[in-house]
Amino acid sequence: MRGLTNRLTVEPRLSGDEVQRQIGAALERAAVIDASHVQVIVSGSRVVLSGHLRSWPALEDAERAAAAVPGVSAVDNHLRIANW
């Protein structure tokens, strides 16, 4: 006979403020992203990124960083590439 032990736990959902803080921290850690030019809006489990970055890789990294935060189900990327 075999047994199964369920060790799953349900973690509480993060608040919108905590999700926003974690995304901001992730953007700050990314070397190619100038996080001061990115605005993050959290609505439930959706995140909207807006602002401008210097390169396509930075734009993609910002989207990946936001999507990797626990509790985020979708990222609407409205970032633009701008030379300044």
C-alpha atoms as a PDB file:
ATOM      1  CA  MET A   1       0.000   0.000   0.000  1.00  0.00           C
ATOM      2  CA  ARG A   2       1.189   3.512  -0.776  1.00  0.00           C
ATOM      3  CA  GLY A   3       0.257   6.739   0.880  1.00  0.00           C
ATOM      4  CA  LEU A   4       0.047  10.330  -0.157  1.00  0.00           C
ATOM      5  CA  THR A   5       0.640  13.259   2.119  1.00  0.00           C
ATOM      6  CA  ASN A   6      -0.652  16.611   0.958  1.00  0.00           C
ATOM      7  CA  ARG A   7       1.719  19.371   2.027  1.00  0.00           C
ATOM      8  CA  LEU A   8       0.255  22.096  -0.147  1.00  0.00           C
ATOM      9  CA  THR A   9      -0.396  25.394   1.509  1.00  0.00           C
ATOM     10  CA  VAL A  10      -2.360  28.346   0.241  1.00  0.00           C
ATOM     11  CA  GLU A  11      -0.479  31.595   0.480  1.00  0.00           C
ATOM     12  CA  PRO A  12      -2.461  34.791   0.931  1.00  0.00           C
ATOM     13  CA  ARG A  13      -2.640  37.050  -2.100  1.00  0.00           C
ATOM     14  CA  LEU A  14      -0.342  40.039  -2.033  1.00  0.00           C
ATOM     15  CA  SER A  15      -1.879  43.475  -1.765  1.00  0.00           C
ATOM     16  CA  GLY A  16      -1.669  45.799  -4.750  1.00  0.00           C
ATOM     17  CA  ASP A  17       0.830  47.951  -2.872  1.00  0.00           C
ATOM     18  CA  GLU A  18       3.051  44.938  -2.165  1.00  0.00           C
ATOM     19  CA  VAL A  19       2.889  43.794  -5.799  1.00  0.00           C
ATOM     20  CA  GLN A  20       3.808  47.314  -6.921  1.00  0.00           C
ATOM     21  CA  ARG A  21       6.702  47.424  -4.424  1.00  0.00           C
ATOM     22  CA  GLN A  22       8.039  44.056  -5.589  1.00  0.00           C
ATOM     23  CA  ILE A  23       7.841  45.070  -9.254  1.00  0.00           C
ATOM     24  CA  GLY A  24       9.640  48.323  -8.476  1.00  0.00           C
ATOM     25  CA  ALA A  25      12.367  46.423  -6.640  1.00  0.00           C
ATOM     26  CA  ALA A  26      12.743  43.980  -9.553  1.00  0.00           C
ATOM     27  CA  LEU A  27      13.043  46.864 -12.019  1.00  0.00           C
ATOM     28  CA  GLU A  28      15.681  48.527  -9.839  1.00  0.00           C
ATOM     29  CA  ARG A  29      17.737  45.297  -9.795  1.00  0.00           C
ATOM     30  CA  ALA A  30      17.722  44.957 -13.594  1.00  0.00           C
ATOM     31  CA  ALA A  31      20.872  46.556 -14.981  1.00  0.00           C
ATOM     32  CA  VAL A  32      19.394  47.558 -18.359  1.00  0.00           C
ATOM     33  CA  ILE A  33      16.266  49.237 -16.947  1.00  0.00           C
ATOM     34  CA  ASP A  34      16.127  52.846 -15.786  1.00  0.00           C
ATOM     35  CA  ALA A  35      13.244  52.278 -13.385  1.00  0.00           C
ATOM     36  CA  SER A  36      12.722  56.003 -12.799  1.00  0.00           C
ATOM     37  CA  HIS A  37      11.059  56.170 -16.227  1.00  0.00           C
ATOM     38  CA  VAL A  38       8.590  53.327 -15.588  1.00  0.00           C
ATOM     39  CA  GLN A  39       5.190  53.749 -13.957  1.00  0.00           C
ATOM     40  CA  VAL A  40       3.518  50.675 -12.470  1.00  0.00           C
ATOM     41  CA  ILE A  41      -0.237  50.487 -11.883  1.00  0.00           C
ATOM     42  CA  VAL A  42      -1.725  47.427 -10.186  1.00  0.00           C
ATOM     43  CA  SER A  43      -5.404  46.578 -10.545  1.00  0.00           C
ATOM     44  CA  GLY A  44      -6.257  43.274  -8.902  1.00  0.00           C
ATOM     45  CA  SER A  45      -3.904  40.740 -10.459  1.00  0.00           C
ATOM     46  CA  ARG A  46      -3.267  42.824 -13.596  1.00  0.00           C
ATOM     47  CA  VAL A  47      -0.316  45.191 -13.960  1.00  0.00           C
ATOM     48  CA  VAL A  48       0.007  48.092 -16.380  1.00  0.00           C
ATOM     49  CA  LEU A  49       3.500  49.324 -17.240  1.00  0.00           C
ATOM     50  CA  SER A  50       3.870  52.721 -18.875  1.00  0.00           C
ATOM     51  CA  GLY A  51       6.661  55.165 -19.546  1.00  0.00           C
ATOM     52  CA  HIS A  52       9.724  54.917 -21.709  1.00  0.00           C
ATOM     53  CA  LEU A  53      12.973  52.982 -21.777  1.00  0.00           C
ATOM     54  CA  ARG A  54      16.106  53.173 -23.919  1.00  0.00           C
ATOM     55  CA  SER A  55      16.022  49.788 -25.639  1.00  0.00           C
ATOM     56  CA  TRP A  56      13.937  46.832 -26.686  1.00  0.00           C
ATOM     57  CA  PRO A  57      15.790  44.469 -24.283  1.00  0.00           C
ATOM     58  CA  ALA A  58      15.017  46.831 -21.386  1.00  0.00           C
ATOM     59  CA  LEU A  59      11.350  46.878 -22.375  1.00  0.00           C
ATOM     60  CA  GLU A  60      11.223  43.070 -22.506  1.00  0.00           C
ATOM     61  CA  ASP A  61      13.086  42.753 -19.183  1.00  0.00           C
ATOM     62  CA  ALA A  62      10.606  45.114 -17.504  1.00  0.00           C
ATOM     63  CA  GLU A  63       7.671  43.031 -18.719  1.00  0.00           C
ATOM     64  CA  ARG A  64       9.300  39.777 -17.571  1.00  0.00           C
ATOM     65  CA  ALA A  65      10.155  41.273 -14.166  1.00  0.00           C
ATOM     66  CA  ALA A  66       6.553  42.367 -13.634  1.00  0.00           C
ATOM     67  CA  ALA A  67       5.139  39.022 -14.771  1.00  0.00           C
ATOM     68  CA  ALA A  68       7.435  37.117 -12.386  1.00  0.00           C
ATOM     69  CA  VAL A  69       5.995  38.735  -9.246  1.00  0.00           C
ATOM     70  CA  PRO A  70       3.671  36.379  -7.343  1.00  0.00           C
ATOM     71  CA  GLY A  71       0.033  37.352  -7.737  1.00  0.00           C
ATOM     72  CA  VAL A  72       0.413  38.898 -11.203  1.00  0.00           C
ATOM     73  CA  SER A  73      -1.774  37.180 -13.792  1.00  0.00           C
ATOM     74  CA  ALA A  74      -1.319  39.609 -16.697  1.00  0.00           C
ATOM     75  CA  VAL A  75       0.931  42.487 -17.717  1.00  0.00           C
ATOM     76  CA  ASP A  76      -0.262  45.216 -20.074  1.00  0.00           C
ATOM     77  CA  ASN A  77       2.946  46.658 -21.463  1.00  0.00           C
ATOM     78  CA  HIS A  78       2.472  50.253 -22.618  1.00  0.00           C
ATOM     79  CA  LEU A  79       6.171  51.059 -22.419  1.00  0.00           C
ATOM     80  CA  ARG A  80       7.778  52.870 -25.329  1.00  0.00           C
ATOM     81  CA  ILE A  81      11.342  53.057 -26.554  1.00  0.00           C
ATOM     82  CA  ALA A  82      12.686  56.592 -26.476  1.00  0.00           C
ATOM     83  CA  ASN A  83      16.098  58.150 -26.965  1.00  0.00           C
ATOM     84  CA  TRP A  84      16.748  60.902 -24.481  1.00  0.00           C
END
